[in-house]
Amino acid sequence: MSKTPAASCRRPDIGGQAVMEGVMMKAPDAIAISVRRPNGDIITKRTTYVPLSKKHKWMGWPIVRGVVNFVTMLSMGMSTLQESTDMLGILDEEPTKFEKWLSKKLGKGIDKIVMGTAIVLAVVLSIGLFFVIPELVARALKALMPNPEQNWLINLLSGLVRIMILICYILFCSSVPDVRRTFEYHGAEHKTVYCNENNLPLTPENAQQFTTLHPRCGTSFLLIVFVISIVLFTLVGYQGTNYFLRLGSRLALLPLVAGISYEVLKGLAHSKGKIVEILRWPGMQMQRLTTRQPTNEMLEVAIVSMNVALYGIPEGCPKTSDGYTIIRDYRVTDPSYVPPVEEPAEEEAAENE
């Protein structure tokens, strides 16, 4: 049975993200991305950073920090996916003539063009799925229920449509084999975070005993966003019949929804009690759609990312031609690890005698 984390000393929150054949871990002052290449090597990279809340104190204010985190994680998530793909070395083929022409005309590398296009498409898809379609449903319901006293019901039903679209979207994605493997790495990320939070040595065996469901997961955050949006759209959103004003007011309220949802997520993650467990339960169950049980090899990759993010790149490791660090034994990333001393060969021992 998966183990629920025991009470332990509060440690800094370590966040993460599953990527193709790997895991990203985000410590308070550094980000580490690690992937496993087809030859079995773990390739890792560490990047230091300064949180925006330290550069600008107002960005650390409650609610505001949630908006900042939401925007930052969207940007970081896309760049992390691109970086992990580069680290895998699976897209090293020569650019086509069209790609070279496009890169020359726009003055940017083809990877940046692809990334920019992907971000635009992702935003358009998100708005279409989670705002345009639900508001079309709300518009139809408004025609059936014109009484203003029924606005709460219309917002509730359109909110439920958003949640159902999210569930269907995740189920559709999980039918793709590569996405299913990424969900396994998502489980590896959660288990490793739990292991670190409980002050246990980071080993696959220790991590495997924990559940793949974590209260600070982005999947839980999305569900909280949808629930908070139902409340805010009902209380302060435009309730009239003009479709574009309704859609615009929902989009305008999104930053506030994200800010409040972030505070709710953090509060539920760091609180205890029966009521807290009940409130956390729906989000935890949603994670059953986005996490899978990982293998020990996947946990090794997550452990490398955790250790590298916290302690840095270990000394003496070889580098790839691109400058990435090669890890052939996950244990070397633990500062307390002492490699075994090799016994001299029998012949050498005899000569010494």
Protein backbone atom coordinates (compact mmCIF):
# COMPACT_ATOMS: atom_id res chain seq x y z
CA MET A 1 0.00 0.00 0.00
CA SER A 2 1.27 3.48 -0.79
CA LYS A 3 2.47 5.32 2.24
CA THR A 4 1.12 8.70 3.28
CA PRO A 5 3.87 11.05 4.44
CA ALA A 6 4.36 11.36 8.15
CA ALA A 7 4.70 14.63 9.99
CA SER A 8 8.20 16.04 9.64
CA CYS A 9 10.14 19.25 10.02
CA ARG A 10 9.02 21.82 7.49
CA ARG A 11 11.43 21.89 4.57
CA PRO A 12 11.43 24.27 1.60
CA ASP A 13 8.80 23.37 -0.97
CA ILE A 14 10.37 21.62 -3.95
CA GLY A 15 8.21 21.69 -7.05
CA GLY A 16 8.61 19.68 -10.18
CA GLN A 17 7.40 18.77 -13.62
CA ALA A 18 7.47 15.57 -15.63
CA VAL A 19 9.02 15.89 -19.07
CA MET A 20 9.69 13.45 -21.89
CA GLU A 21 11.79 10.65 -20.35
CA GLY A 22 12.65 12.76 -17.35
CA VAL A 23 11.85 15.13 -14.50
CA MET A 24 12.46 18.79 -13.70
CA MET A 25 12.88 19.81 -10.05
CA LYS A 26 12.66 23.42 -8.85
CA ALA A 27 14.47 24.24 -5.60
CA PRO A 28 14.40 27.69 -3.94
CA ASP A 29 17.41 28.90 -5.93
CA ALA A 30 17.96 26.46 -8.80
CA ILE A 31 16.23 24.34 -11.42
CA ALA A 32 17.49 20.94 -12.53
CA ILE A 33 16.32 18.96 -15.55
CA SER A 34 17.30 15.30 -15.93
CA VAL A 35 16.41 12.85 -18.67
CA ARG A 36 17.40 9.28 -19.46
CA ARG A 37 18.77 8.72 -22.94
CA PRO A 38 18.17 5.47 -24.85
CA ASN A 39 21.69 4.24 -23.94
CA GLY A 40 20.78 4.39 -20.23
CA ASP A 41 22.78 7.49 -19.31
CA ILE A 42 21.09 10.17 -17.23
CA ILE A 43 21.74 13.63 -18.67
CA THR A 44 21.28 16.57 -16.31
CA LYS A 45 21.48 20.35 -16.33
CA ARG A 46 21.29 22.86 -13.48
CA THR A 47 20.32 26.52 -13.79
CA THR A 48 20.37 28.97 -10.89
CA TYR A 49 17.74 31.68 -10.62
CA VAL A 50 16.51 34.41 -8.28
CA PRO A 51 12.76 34.32 -7.50
CA LEU A 52 10.89 37.40 -8.69
CA SER A 53 9.58 37.88 -5.13
CA LYS A 54 13.17 38.58 -4.04
CA LYS A 55 13.72 41.09 -6.82
CA HIS A 56 10.37 42.79 -6.26
CA LYS A 57 8.83 42.34 -2.81
CA TRP A 58 5.32 43.15 -4.01
CA MET A 59 5.44 40.03 -6.20
CA GLY A 60 5.53 37.99 -3.00
CA TRP A 61 2.30 39.43 -1.62
CA PRO A 62 -0.62 37.00 -1.13
CA ILE A 63 -2.79 36.63 -4.25
CA VAL A 64 -0.20 38.52 -6.33
CA ARG A 65 2.35 35.73 -5.84
CA GLY A 66 -0.18 33.26 -7.19
CA VAL A 67 -0.59 35.27 -10.39
CA VAL A 68 3.19 35.61 -10.74
CA ASN A 69 3.67 31.88 -10.12
CA PHE A 70 0.96 31.00 -12.66
CA VAL A 71 2.58 33.06 -15.43
CA THR A 72 6.10 31.94 -14.48
CA MET A 73 5.22 28.25 -14.48
CA LEU A 74 3.49 28.52 -17.87
CA SER A 75 6.60 30.06 -19.39
CA MET A 76 8.99 27.76 -17.52
CA GLY A 77 6.93 24.70 -18.40
CA MET A 78 7.20 25.29 -22.13
CA SER A 79 10.93 26.10 -22.01
CA THR A 80 11.55 23.04 -19.83
CA LEU A 81 9.83 20.77 -22.34
CA GLN A 82 11.96 22.21 -25.13
CA GLU A 83 15.17 21.87 -23.08
CA SER A 84 14.42 18.27 -22.11
CA THR A 85 13.84 17.37 -25.76
CA ASP A 86 17.20 18.90 -26.68
CA MET A 87 18.87 16.96 -23.87
CA LEU A 88 17.48 13.69 -25.16
CA GLY A 89 19.20 14.34 -28.47
CA ILE A 90 16.35 12.86 -30.49
CA LEU A 91 15.77 15.91 -32.71
CA ASP A 92 19.28 16.51 -34.01
CA GLU A 93 18.36 16.09 -37.67
CA GLU A 94 19.30 18.76 -40.20
CA PRO A 95 16.66 21.54 -40.56
CA THR A 96 14.71 21.47 -43.81
CA LYS A 97 15.10 24.18 -46.46
CA PHE A 98 11.80 25.71 -45.38
CA GLU A 99 12.93 25.79 -41.73
CA LYS A 100 16.20 27.46 -42.73
CA TRP A 101 14.31 30.01 -44.87
CA LEU A 102 11.84 30.74 -42.06
CA SER A 103 14.64 31.10 -39.53
CA LYS A 104 16.51 33.49 -41.83
CA LYS A 105 13.44 35.62 -42.52
CA LEU A 106 12.42 35.92 -38.86
CA GLY A 107 15.94 36.24 -37.53
CA LYS A 108 15.44 33.53 -34.92
CA GLY A 109 16.43 29.91 -34.47
CA ILE A 110 13.88 27.37 -35.63
CA ASP A 111 13.57 26.04 -32.06
CA LYS A 112 12.45 29.47 -30.83
CA ILE A 113 9.96 29.73 -33.69
CA VAL A 114 8.52 26.31 -32.86
CA MET A 115 8.36 27.18 -29.16
CA GLY A 116 6.62 30.49 -29.84
CA THR A 117 4.12 28.80 -32.14
CA ALA A 118 3.47 26.08 -29.56
CA ILE A 119 2.80 28.66 -26.84
CA VAL A 120 0.35 30.57 -29.05
CA LEU A 121 -1.48 27.39 -30.03
CA ALA A 122 -1.61 26.23 -26.40
CA VAL A 123 -3.14 29.54 -25.28
CA VAL A 124 -5.68 29.50 -28.13
CA LEU A 125 -6.61 25.87 -27.38
CA SER A 126 -6.99 26.59 -23.66
CA ILE A 127 -9.21 29.61 -24.25
CA GLY A 128 -11.28 27.68 -26.76
CA LEU A 129 -11.78 24.59 -24.60
CA PHE A 130 -12.17 26.17 -21.17
CA PHE A 131 -13.77 29.53 -21.92
CA VAL A 132 -15.37 29.72 -25.38
CA ILE A 133 -17.17 26.36 -25.25
CA PRO A 134 -18.43 26.67 -21.63
CA GLU A 135 -19.69 30.18 -22.31
CA LEU A 136 -21.55 28.92 -25.37
CA VAL A 137 -23.21 26.41 -23.07
CA ALA A 138 -23.95 29.19 -20.57
CA ARG A 139 -25.47 31.27 -23.37
CA ALA A 140 -27.81 28.44 -24.30
CA LEU A 141 -28.74 27.93 -20.65
CA LYS A 142 -29.35 31.67 -20.27
CA ALA A 143 -31.97 31.45 -23.01
CA LEU A 144 -33.66 28.58 -21.17
CA MET A 145 -33.34 30.19 -17.73
CA PRO A 146 -33.65 33.99 -18.16
CA ASN A 147 -34.49 34.56 -14.49
CA PRO A 148 -31.52 36.42 -12.84
CA GLU A 149 -32.01 34.32 -9.71
CA GLN A 150 -30.88 31.30 -11.72
CA ASN A 151 -27.51 32.82 -12.64
CA TRP A 152 -25.76 30.77 -9.96
CA LEU A 153 -27.10 27.58 -11.53
CA ILE A 154 -25.97 28.63 -15.01
CA ASN A 155 -22.45 29.39 -13.70
CA LEU A 156 -22.38 26.09 -11.82
CA LEU A 157 -23.37 24.08 -14.90
CA SER A 158 -20.90 25.90 -17.18
CA GLY A 159 -18.22 25.30 -14.53
CA LEU A 160 -19.04 21.60 -14.50
CA VAL A 161 -18.70 21.62 -18.29
CA ARG A 162 -15.17 23.03 -17.86
CA ILE A 163 -14.29 20.24 -15.44
CA MET A 164 -15.69 17.56 -17.76
CA ILE A 165 -13.72 19.00 -20.69
CA LEU A 166 -10.56 18.87 -18.54
CA ILE A 167 -11.18 15.23 -17.61
CA CYS A 168 -11.90 14.23 -21.21
CA TYR A 169 -8.80 16.10 -22.40
CA ILE A 170 -6.58 14.27 -19.88
CA LEU A 171 -8.09 10.90 -20.79
CA PHE A 172 -7.51 11.62 -24.47
CA CYS A 173 -3.87 12.55 -23.83
CA SER A 174 -3.32 9.46 -21.68
CA SER A 175 -4.17 7.27 -24.68
CA VAL A 176 -0.85 8.35 -26.26
CA PRO A 177 1.98 5.98 -25.20
CA ASP A 178 4.56 8.78 -24.77
CA VAL A 179 2.14 10.71 -22.56
CA ARG A 180 1.50 7.62 -20.42
CA ARG A 181 5.26 7.33 -19.84
CA THR A 182 5.34 11.01 -18.91
CA PHE A 183 2.58 10.33 -16.37
CA GLU A 184 4.85 7.63 -14.89
CA TYR A 185 7.63 10.21 -14.55
CA HIS A 186 5.02 12.48 -12.95
CA GLY A 187 4.50 9.75 -10.35
CA ALA A 188 8.28 9.51 -9.89
CA GLU A 189 8.44 13.25 -9.27
CA HIS A 190 5.79 13.06 -6.53
CA LYS A 191 7.33 10.06 -4.80
CA THR A 192 10.76 11.72 -4.75
CA VAL A 193 9.33 14.96 -3.36
CA TYR A 194 7.61 12.98 -0.60
CA CYS A 195 10.86 11.14 0.19
CA ASN A 196 12.71 14.45 0.51
CA GLU A 197 9.96 16.00 2.64
CA ASN A 198 10.19 13.06 5.05
CA ASN A 199 13.98 13.41 5.43
CA LEU A 200 14.66 9.94 4.08
CA PRO A 201 17.73 9.07 2.00
CA LEU A 202 16.82 9.54 -1.65
CA THR A 203 16.79 6.01 -3.03
CA PRO A 204 14.29 4.33 -5.35
CA GLU A 205 13.41 1.85 -2.58
CA ASN A 206 12.58 4.63 -0.10
CA ALA A 207 10.65 6.65 -2.66
CA GLN A 208 8.57 3.70 -3.88
CA GLN A 209 6.78 3.41 -0.53
CA PHE A 210 5.02 6.74 -1.04
CA THR A 211 1.88 7.52 -3.00
CA THR A 212 1.93 9.21 -6.40
CA LEU A 213 -0.71 11.71 -5.21
CA HIS A 214 0.66 14.99 -3.82
CA PRO A 215 -1.37 17.94 -2.44
CA ARG A 216 0.73 20.58 -4.25
CA CYS A 217 0.31 19.02 -7.69
CA GLY A 218 -0.63 21.17 -10.67
CA THR A 219 -3.56 18.85 -11.39
CA SER A 220 -5.07 19.74 -8.01
CA PHE A 221 -4.39 23.40 -8.77
CA LEU A 222 -6.36 23.19 -12.03
CA LEU A 223 -9.37 21.70 -10.27
CA ILE A 224 -9.21 24.41 -7.59
CA VAL A 225 -9.04 27.05 -10.36
CA PHE A 226 -12.23 25.70 -11.90
CA VAL A 227 -14.05 25.61 -8.55
CA ILE A 228 -12.92 29.13 -7.56
CA SER A 229 -13.90 30.40 -11.00
CA ILE A 230 -17.48 29.20 -10.47
CA VAL A 231 -17.69 31.24 -7.26
CA LEU A 232 -16.05 34.40 -8.62
CA PHE A 233 -17.89 34.33 -11.93
CA THR A 234 -21.13 34.17 -9.96
CA LEU A 235 -20.25 36.91 -7.47
CA VAL A 236 -18.48 39.52 -9.63
CA GLY A 237 -18.64 38.31 -13.24
CA TYR A 238 -20.91 39.80 -15.90
CA GLN A 239 -24.25 38.00 -15.79
CA GLY A 240 -25.98 39.56 -18.81
CA THR A 241 -26.89 38.00 -22.14
CA ASN A 242 -24.09 39.53 -24.23
CA TYR A 243 -21.84 36.56 -25.05
CA PHE A 244 -18.67 38.57 -25.67
CA LEU A 245 -19.04 40.57 -22.45
CA ARG A 246 -19.49 37.32 -20.52
CA LEU A 247 -16.40 35.79 -22.17
CA GLY A 248 -14.37 38.97 -21.65
CA SER A 249 -15.30 39.26 -17.98
CA ARG A 250 -14.27 35.62 -17.39
CA LEU A 251 -10.89 36.15 -19.04
CA ALA A 252 -10.37 39.40 -17.10
CA LEU A 253 -11.04 37.59 -13.82
CA LEU A 254 -8.59 34.77 -14.59
CA PRO A 255 -5.59 36.42 -12.82
CA LEU A 256 -7.66 36.87 -9.65
CA VAL A 257 -8.88 33.27 -9.91
CA ALA A 258 -5.29 32.05 -10.26
CA GLY A 259 -4.11 34.15 -7.31
CA ILE A 260 -6.83 32.93 -4.96
CA SER A 261 -6.46 29.32 -6.14
CA TYR A 262 -2.73 29.40 -5.39
CA GLU A 263 -3.39 30.51 -1.80
CA VAL A 264 -6.03 27.78 -1.40
CA LEU A 265 -3.64 25.13 -2.77
CA LYS A 266 -0.82 26.20 -0.44
CA GLY A 267 -3.17 26.40 2.53
CA LEU A 268 -4.59 22.92 1.97
CA ALA A 269 -1.13 21.44 1.31
CA HIS A 270 0.31 22.71 4.60
CA SER A 271 -2.71 22.21 6.86
CA LYS A 272 -3.97 19.16 8.67
CA GLY A 273 -7.35 17.95 9.87
CA LYS A 274 -10.36 16.02 8.67
CA ILE A 275 -11.95 19.00 6.92
CA VAL A 276 -8.68 19.71 5.08
CA GLU A 277 -8.49 16.09 3.95
CA ILE A 278 -12.05 16.29 2.62
CA LEU A 279 -11.32 19.51 0.72
CA ARG A 280 -8.09 18.04 -0.70
CA TRP A 281 -9.71 14.75 -1.74
CA PRO A 282 -11.18 15.78 -5.15
CA GLY A 283 -7.87 17.20 -6.36
CA MET A 284 -5.94 14.19 -5.11
CA GLN A 285 -8.31 11.88 -6.97
CA MET A 286 -7.89 13.91 -10.17
CA GLN A 287 -4.20 13.07 -9.99
CA ARG A 288 -5.05 9.42 -10.60
CA LEU A 289 -5.57 10.53 -14.20
CA THR A 290 -2.18 12.27 -14.54
CA THR A 291 0.13 10.00 -12.53
CA ARG A 292 1.17 6.36 -12.88
CA GLN A 293 3.38 4.06 -10.83
CA PRO A 294 7.00 4.63 -11.92
CA THR A 295 9.82 2.12 -12.27
CA ASN A 296 12.95 2.33 -10.13
CA GLU A 297 14.85 3.59 -13.18
CA MET A 298 12.42 6.52 -13.47
CA LEU A 299 12.86 7.27 -9.78
CA GLU A 300 16.62 7.40 -10.28
CA VAL A 301 16.12 10.19 -12.83
CA ALA A 302 13.85 12.12 -10.43
CA ILE A 303 16.37 11.66 -7.60
CA VAL A 304 19.17 13.03 -9.78
CA SER A 305 17.07 16.13 -10.51
CA MET A 306 16.25 16.59 -6.81
CA ASN A 307 19.87 16.26 -5.68
CA VAL A 308 21.27 18.43 -8.47
CA ALA A 309 18.69 21.17 -7.80
CA LEU A 310 19.49 21.14 -4.08
CA TYR A 311 23.25 20.50 -4.04
CA GLY A 312 24.61 21.22 -7.50
CA ILE A 313 26.37 19.20 -10.19
CA PRO A 314 28.69 16.54 -8.72
CA GLU A 315 32.37 16.91 -9.53
CA GLY A 316 34.21 14.62 -11.90
CA CYS A 317 31.27 13.65 -14.10
CA PRO A 318 31.78 13.59 -17.90
CA LYS A 319 30.08 16.07 -20.21
CA THR A 320 28.31 15.72 -23.51
CA SER A 321 29.40 17.74 -26.53
CA ASP A 322 26.53 20.14 -25.72
CA GLY A 323 27.82 20.72 -22.19
CA TYR A 324 25.26 18.61 -20.34
CA THR A 325 26.47 16.47 -17.43
CA ILE A 326 26.36 12.68 -17.74
CA ILE A 327 25.32 10.72 -14.64
CA ARG A 328 25.91 6.97 -14.82
CA ASP A 329 25.13 6.26 -11.15
CA TYR A 330 22.37 8.32 -9.52
CA ARG A 331 24.06 7.95 -6.12
CA VAL A 332 26.96 10.25 -7.05
CA THR A 333 24.58 13.24 -6.93
CA ASP A 334 24.14 12.74 -3.17
CA PRO A 335 26.82 14.78 -1.34
CA SER A 336 26.99 12.15 1.43
CA TYR A 337 27.63 9.26 -0.95
CA VAL A 338 31.00 7.54 -0.55
CA PRO A 339 31.87 5.26 -3.47
CA PRO A 340 33.09 1.80 -2.47
CA VAL A 341 36.84 1.27 -2.38
CA GLU A 342 37.92 -1.21 -5.01
CA GLU A 343 39.90 -4.14 -3.68
CA PRO A 344 43.26 -4.65 -5.43
CA ALA A 345 43.46 -7.58 -7.81
CA GLU A 346 44.85 -10.84 -6.39
CA GLU A 347 47.99 -10.62 -8.51
CA GLU A 348 48.69 -7.10 -7.32
CA ALA A 349 48.10 -8.21 -3.75
CA ALA A 350 50.55 -11.12 -4.21
CA GLU A 351 53.22 -8.78 -5.63
CA ASN A 352 52.79 -6.45 -2.69
CA GLU A 353 53.40 -9.36 -0.33
